[in-house]
C-alpha atoms as a PDB file:
ATOM      1  CA  MET A   1      36.674 -52.110  32.419  1.00  0.00           C
ATOM      2  CA  GLY A   2      34.036 -54.304  30.511  1.00  0.00           C
ATOM      3  CA  ARG A   3      30.818 -53.785  30.779  1.00  0.00           C
ATOM      4  CA  PRO A   4      29.954 -54.088  34.929  1.00  0.00           C
ATOM      5  CA  ARG A   5      27.632 -56.703  36.204  1.00  0.00           C
ATOM      6  CA  PRO A   6      25.973 -56.964  39.841  1.00  0.00           C
ATOM      7  CA  VAL A   7      28.259 -58.123  42.131  1.00  0.00           C
ATOM      8  CA  PHE A   8      26.712 -60.029  45.269  1.00  0.00           C
ATOM      9  CA  LEU A   9      28.560 -58.610  48.760  1.00  0.00           C
ATOM     10  CA  LEU A  10      28.321 -59.940  52.090  1.00  0.00           C
ATOM     11  CA  TRP A  11      27.698 -57.936  55.195  1.00  0.00           C
ATOM     12  CA  ASP A  12      29.866 -58.675  57.959  1.00  0.00           C
ATOM     13  CA  GLY A  13      28.482 -56.500  60.674  1.00  0.00           C
ATOM     14  CA  ASP A  14      31.220 -54.018  59.604  1.00  0.00           C
ATOM     15  CA  VAL A  15      31.938 -53.892  55.838  1.00  0.00           C
ATOM     16  CA  PHE A  16      30.678 -55.664  52.652  1.00  0.00           C
ATOM     17  CA  LYS A  17      32.841 -57.930  50.931  1.00  0.00           C
ATOM     18  CA  PRO A  18      32.548 -59.518  48.000  1.00  0.00           C
ATOM     19  CA  ALA A  19      31.047 -63.216  47.989  1.00  0.00           C
ATOM     20  CA  PRO A  20      34.007 -65.571  46.967  1.00  0.00           C
ATOM     21  CA  SER A  21      32.561 -66.389  43.896  1.00  0.00           C
ATOM     22  CA  PHE A  22      32.931 -62.440  42.439  1.00  0.00           C
ATOM     23  CA  LYS A  23      36.436 -61.857  44.425  1.00  0.00           C
ATOM     24  CA  ALA A  24      38.304 -62.545  41.353  1.00  0.00           C
ATOM     25  CA  TYR A  25      36.287 -60.102  39.247  1.00  0.00           C
ATOM     26  CA  CYS A  26      36.704 -57.482  42.078  1.00  0.00           C
ATOM     27  CA  ASP A  27      40.109 -57.675  41.816  1.00  0.00           C
ATOM     28  CA  ARG A  28      40.551 -57.501  38.342  1.00  0.00           C
ATOM     29  CA  GLU A  29      37.957 -54.901  37.812  1.00  0.00           C
ATOM     30  CA  TYR A  30      38.421 -52.611  40.598  1.00  0.00           C
ATOM     31  CA  THR A  31      41.279 -50.222  42.539  1.00  0.00           C
ATOM     32  CA  VAL A  32      41.651 -50.878  46.168  1.00  0.00           C
ATOM     33  CA  GLY A  33      41.518 -47.778  47.760  1.00  0.00           C
ATOM     34  CA  GLU A  34      38.715 -46.309  45.513  1.00  0.00           C
ATOM     35  CA  VAL A  35      35.156 -45.323  46.575  1.00  0.00           C
ATOM     36  CA  TYR A  36      32.463 -47.256  44.438  1.00  0.00           C
ATOM     37  CA  PRO A  37      28.685 -46.525  44.575  1.00  0.00           C
ATOM     38  CA  MET A  38      26.100 -49.532  45.927  1.00  0.00           C
ATOM     39  CA  MET A  39      22.499 -49.583  46.018  1.00  0.00           C
ATOM     40  CA  PRO A  40      20.147 -52.713  46.645  1.00  0.00           C
ATOM     41  CA  VAL A  41      18.821 -53.711  43.318  1.00  0.00           C
ATOM     42  CA  GLU A  42      15.182 -55.232  43.494  1.00  0.00           C
ATOM     43  CA  GLU A  43      15.489 -58.506  41.020  1.00  0.00           C
ATOM     44  CA  ARG A  44      12.511 -59.141  38.793  1.00  0.00           C
ATOM     45  CA  SER A  45      10.917 -62.332  39.462  1.00  0.00           C
ATOM     46  CA  GLN A  46      11.453 -64.840  36.713  1.00  0.00           C
ATOM     47  CA  ALA A  47       8.048 -66.262  36.796  1.00  0.00           C
ATOM     48  CA  SER A  48       6.674 -62.996  36.230  1.00  0.00           C
ATOM     49  CA  HIS A  49       9.340 -62.933  32.901  1.00  0.00           C
ATOM     50  CA  ASN A  50       8.149 -66.456  31.959  1.00  0.00           C
ATOM     51  CA  HIS A  51       4.322 -65.525  32.546  1.00  0.00           C
ATOM     52  CA  TYR A  52       4.693 -62.396  30.164  1.00  0.00           C
ATOM     53  CA  PHE A  53       6.295 -64.235  27.004  1.00  0.00           C
ATOM     54  CA  ALA A  54       3.785 -67.273  27.509  1.00  0.00           C
ATOM     55  CA  ALA A  55       0.599 -64.687  27.523  1.00  0.00           C
ATOM     56  CA  VAL A  56       2.323 -63.110  24.483  1.00  0.00           C
ATOM     57  CA  ALA A  57       2.619 -66.666  22.789  1.00  0.00           C
ATOM     58  CA  GLU A  58      -0.720 -67.302  23.362  1.00  0.00           C
ATOM     59  CA  GLY A  59      -1.814 -63.783  22.551  1.00  0.00           C
ATOM     60  CA  PHE A  60       0.027 -64.317  19.176  1.00  0.00           C
ATOM     61  CA  ALA A  61      -1.501 -67.735  18.545  1.00  0.00           C
ATOM     62  CA  ASN A  62      -4.637 -66.146  19.081  1.00  0.00           C
ATOM     63  CA  LEU A  63      -4.819 -63.231  16.859  1.00  0.00           C
ATOM     64  CA  SER A  64      -7.416 -62.209  14.718  1.00  0.00           C
ATOM     65  CA  GLU A  65      -7.381 -63.217  11.159  1.00  0.00           C
ATOM     66  CA  GLU A  66      -6.418 -59.668  10.289  1.00  0.00           C
ATOM     67  CA  ASN A  67      -3.974 -59.048  12.762  1.00  0.00           C
ATOM     68  CA  ALA A  68      -2.308 -62.363  12.162  1.00  0.00           C
ATOM     69  CA  LYS A  69      -1.380 -61.454   9.250  1.00  0.00           C
ATOM     70  CA  ARG A  70       0.897 -58.487  10.045  1.00  0.00           C
ATOM     71  CA  PHE A  71       2.967 -60.329  11.903  1.00  0.00           C
ATOM     72  CA  PRO A  72       4.919 -63.417  11.403  1.00  0.00           C
ATOM     73  CA  THR A  73       5.512 -64.374  14.601  1.00  0.00           C
ATOM     74  CA  ALA A  74       5.101 -63.449  18.310  1.00  0.00           C
ATOM     75  CA  GLU A  75       8.572 -61.355  18.565  1.00  0.00           C
ATOM     76  CA  HIS A  76       7.595 -58.731  15.914  1.00  0.00           C
ATOM     77  CA  LEU A  77       4.155 -58.264  17.553  1.00  0.00           C
ATOM     78  CA  ARG A  78       5.718 -57.632  20.812  1.00  0.00           C
ATOM     79  CA  HIS A  79       8.160 -55.766  19.499  1.00  0.00           C
ATOM     80  CA  TRP A  80       5.549 -53.721  17.486  1.00  0.00           C
ATOM     81  CA  VAL A  81       3.547 -53.322  20.857  1.00  0.00           C
ATOM     82  CA  LEU A  82       6.249 -52.189  22.591  1.00  0.00           C
ATOM     83  CA  VAL A  83       6.297 -49.436  19.897  1.00  0.00           C
ATOM     84  CA  GLN A  84       2.803 -48.716  20.014  1.00  0.00           C
ATOM     85  CA  CYS A  85       2.815 -48.422  24.235  1.00  0.00           C
ATOM     86  CA  GLY A  86       5.870 -46.004  24.081  1.00  0.00           C
ATOM     87  CA  TYR A  87       8.567 -48.192  25.018  1.00  0.00           C
ATOM     88  CA  ALA A  88      10.677 -47.615  22.388  1.00  0.00           C
ATOM     89  CA  THR A  89      13.522 -45.018  21.029  1.00  0.00           C
ATOM     90  CA  GLU A  90      12.812 -42.765  17.730  1.00  0.00           C
ATOM     91  CA  THR A  91      15.608 -42.044  15.466  1.00  0.00           C
ATOM     92  CA  ASN A  92      14.775 -39.189  12.326  1.00  0.00           C
ATOM     93  CA  TYR A  93      17.025 -40.252   9.232  1.00  0.00           C
ATOM     94  CA  VAL A  94      16.905 -36.893   7.022  1.00  0.00           C
ATOM     95  CA  LEU A  95      17.939 -38.024   3.418  1.00  0.00           C
ATOM     96  CA  ALA A  96      18.040 -36.209  -0.162  1.00  0.00           C
ATOM     97  CA  ASN A  97      14.882 -37.830  -1.747  1.00  0.00           C
ATOM     98  CA  ALA A  98      12.306 -40.565  -1.294  1.00  0.00           C
ATOM     99  CA  ARG A  99      14.225 -42.909  -3.048  1.00  0.00           C
ATOM    100  CA  GLU A 100      17.097 -42.690  -0.721  1.00  0.00           C
ATOM    101  CA  ALA A 101      14.841 -42.858   2.508  1.00  0.00           C
ATOM    102  CA  ARG A 102      13.011 -46.356   0.910  1.00  0.00           C
ATOM    103  CA  LYS A 103      16.832 -47.721   0.346  1.00  0.00           C
ATOM    104  CA  LEU A 104      17.891 -47.024   3.602  1.00  0.00           C
ATOM    105  CA  ALA A 105      14.799 -48.511   5.244  1.00  0.00           C
ATOM    106  CA  SER A 106      15.532 -51.529   3.252  1.00  0.00           C
ATOM    107  CA  ASP A 107      18.931 -52.002   4.739  1.00  0.00           C
ATOM    108  CA  PHE A 108      18.229 -50.959   7.841  1.00  0.00           C
ATOM    109  CA  ARG A 109      15.136 -53.723   7.504  1.00  0.00           C
ATOM    110  CA  ARG A 110      18.008 -56.262   6.993  1.00  0.00           C
ATOM    111  CA  LYS A 111      19.760 -55.300  10.218  1.00  0.00           C
ATOM    112  CA  GLU A 112      16.961 -54.570  12.235  1.00  0.00           C
ATOM    113  CA  PRO A 113      13.760 -57.227  11.310  1.00  0.00           C
ATOM    114  CA  TYR A 114      12.018 -55.618  14.159  1.00  0.00           C
ATOM    115  CA  ALA A 115      11.762 -52.118  13.665  1.00  0.00           C
ATOM    116  CA  VAL A 116       9.187 -49.951  13.247  1.00  0.00           C
ATOM    117  CA  MET A 117       9.604 -47.955  10.152  1.00  0.00           C
ATOM    118  CA  GLN A 118       7.660 -44.506   8.538  1.00  0.00           C
ATOM    119  CA  ILE A 119       8.370 -42.694   5.670  1.00  0.00           C
ATOM    120  CA  LYS A 120       7.342 -39.770   5.022  1.00  0.00           C
ATOM    121  CA  GLU A 121       9.034 -38.185   1.838  1.00  0.00           C
ATOM    122  CA  ASN A 122      12.657 -38.012   2.346  1.00  0.00           C
ATOM    123  CA  VAL A 123      12.329 -38.691   5.992  1.00  0.00           C
ATOM    124  CA  LEU A 124      13.141 -42.116   7.502  1.00  0.00           C
ATOM    125  CA  THR A 125      11.455 -42.489  10.929  1.00  0.00           C
ATOM    126  CA  VAL A 126      12.799 -45.439  12.950  1.00  0.00           C
ATOM    127  CA  TRP A 127      11.050 -47.037  16.465  1.00  0.00           C
ATOM    128  CA  GLU A 128      12.928 -49.592  17.959  1.00  0.00           C
ATOM    129  CA  ALA A 129      11.455 -51.513  21.119  1.00  0.00           C
ATOM    130  CA  GLU A 130      13.308 -50.719  24.543  1.00  0.00           C
ATOM    131  CA  SER A 131      15.073 -54.111  25.669  1.00  0.00           C
ATOM    132  CA  GLN A 132      13.339 -56.295  27.889  1.00  0.00           C
ATOM    133  CA  SER A 133      15.997 -58.211  29.334  1.00  0.00           C
ATOM    134  CA  LYS A 134      16.309 -58.224  32.853  1.00  0.00           C
ATOM    135  CA  GLY A 135      20.260 -56.237  32.810  1.00  0.00           C
ATOM    136  CA  ALA A 136      18.001 -53.526  30.546  1.00  0.00           C
ATOM    137  CA  MET A 137      15.138 -52.941  31.881  1.00  0.00           C
ATOM    138  CA  LYS A 138      14.453 -52.637  36.003  1.00  0.00           C
ATOM    139  CA  LYS A 139      11.510 -54.589  37.766  1.00  0.00           C
ATOM    140  CA  ASP A 140       9.179 -51.113  37.805  1.00  0.00           C
ATOM    141  CA  ARG A 141       9.122 -50.552  34.224  1.00  0.00           C
ATOM    142  CA  PHE A 142       9.268 -54.143  33.129  1.00  0.00           C
ATOM    143  CA  GLU A 143       5.923 -54.757  35.020  1.00  0.00           C
ATOM    144  CA  ASP A 144       4.317 -51.339  33.454  1.00  0.00           C
ATOM    145  CA  SER A 145       5.521 -52.606  30.077  1.00  0.00           C
ATOM    146  CA  LYS A 146       4.465 -56.088  30.916  1.00  0.00           C
ATOM    147  CA  ARG A 147       1.061 -54.828  31.407  1.00  0.00           C
ATOM    148  CA  ASP A 148       0.470 -52.208  28.772  1.00  0.00           C
ATOM    149  CA  VAL A 149       1.667 -55.087  26.549  1.00  0.00           C
ATOM    150  CA  LEU A 150      -0.321 -57.403  27.251  1.00  0.00           C
ATOM    151  CA  ASP A 151      -3.655 -55.017  27.623  1.00  0.00           C
ATOM    152  CA  MET A 152      -2.806 -54.294  23.895  1.00  0.00           C
ATOM    153  CA  ILE A 153      -2.494 -57.589  22.152  1.00  0.00           C
ATOM    154  CA  ALA A 154      -5.340 -59.166  24.575  1.00  0.00           C
ATOM    155  CA  ALA A 155      -7.075 -56.511  22.326  1.00  0.00           C
ATOM    156  CA  MET A 156      -5.922 -57.700  18.773  1.00  0.00           C
ATOM    157  CA  ALA A 157      -6.154 -61.262  20.186  1.00  0.00           C
ATOM    158  CA  ARG A 158     -10.224 -60.606  20.855  1.00  0.00           C
ATOM    159  CA  THR A 159     -10.009 -61.558  24.368  1.00  0.00           C
ATOM    160  CA  THR A 160      -9.481 -59.822  28.027  1.00  0.00           C
ATOM    161  CA  PRO A 161      -6.979 -58.906  29.650  1.00  0.00           C
ATOM    162  CA  ALA A 162      -7.628 -61.229  32.789  1.00  0.00           C
ATOM    163  CA  GLN A 163      -8.375 -64.169  30.150  1.00  0.00           C
ATOM    164  CA  LEU A 164      -4.841 -63.472  28.452  1.00  0.00           C
ATOM    165  CA  TYR A 165      -3.186 -63.578  32.078  1.00  0.00           C
ATOM    166  CA  LYS A 166      -4.853 -66.748  33.224  1.00  0.00           C
ATOM    167  CA  GLU A 167      -3.319 -68.594  30.186  1.00  0.00           C
ATOM    168  CA  GLY A 168      -0.121 -67.112  30.111  1.00  0.00           C
ATOM    169  CA  ARG A 169       0.074 -68.264  33.398  1.00  0.00           C
ATOM    170  CA  ARG A 170      -1.113 -71.704  32.893  1.00  0.00           C
ATOM    171  CA  HIS A 171       1.611 -72.157  29.900  1.00  0.00           C
ATOM    172  CA  GLY A 172       4.229 -70.135  31.678  1.00  0.00           C
ATOM    173  CA  ARG A 173       5.467 -72.266  33.778  1.00  0.00           C
END
């Protein structure tokens, strides 16, 4: 089976049946007679998603001069702040020496431009921000990460979280 995707089901009073547009997918991906788990999924709001990215862009556009020099794009900023707020994976690479750690960091940067890296002697530590895509991050975690990220960006942009939220709403629709 490929990567599973949500299937919309219709309750007929006795059984759940796939909505007509999902029947071919279900015929391909599932075995008749097998039991599959099902649970309701609380959808993330597209408005909240759009607001978040608009607010990040607004914060990026208003960074202090010192912070603006550090981040070439709003995406670089967003990934860095996600890492700082703990929404990231951490991987440590122990190499033979510091030169090899620097070379691996350079190679890694080409592959993953948003990663946050640190070299201490012969150890390269790489933090990669969690994906905030709808498929990767559930609603509650997204809302928590949204709040944490926008709070930190607001501080970096010398504004208040409330003002950043307001501007994000104004530009996010």
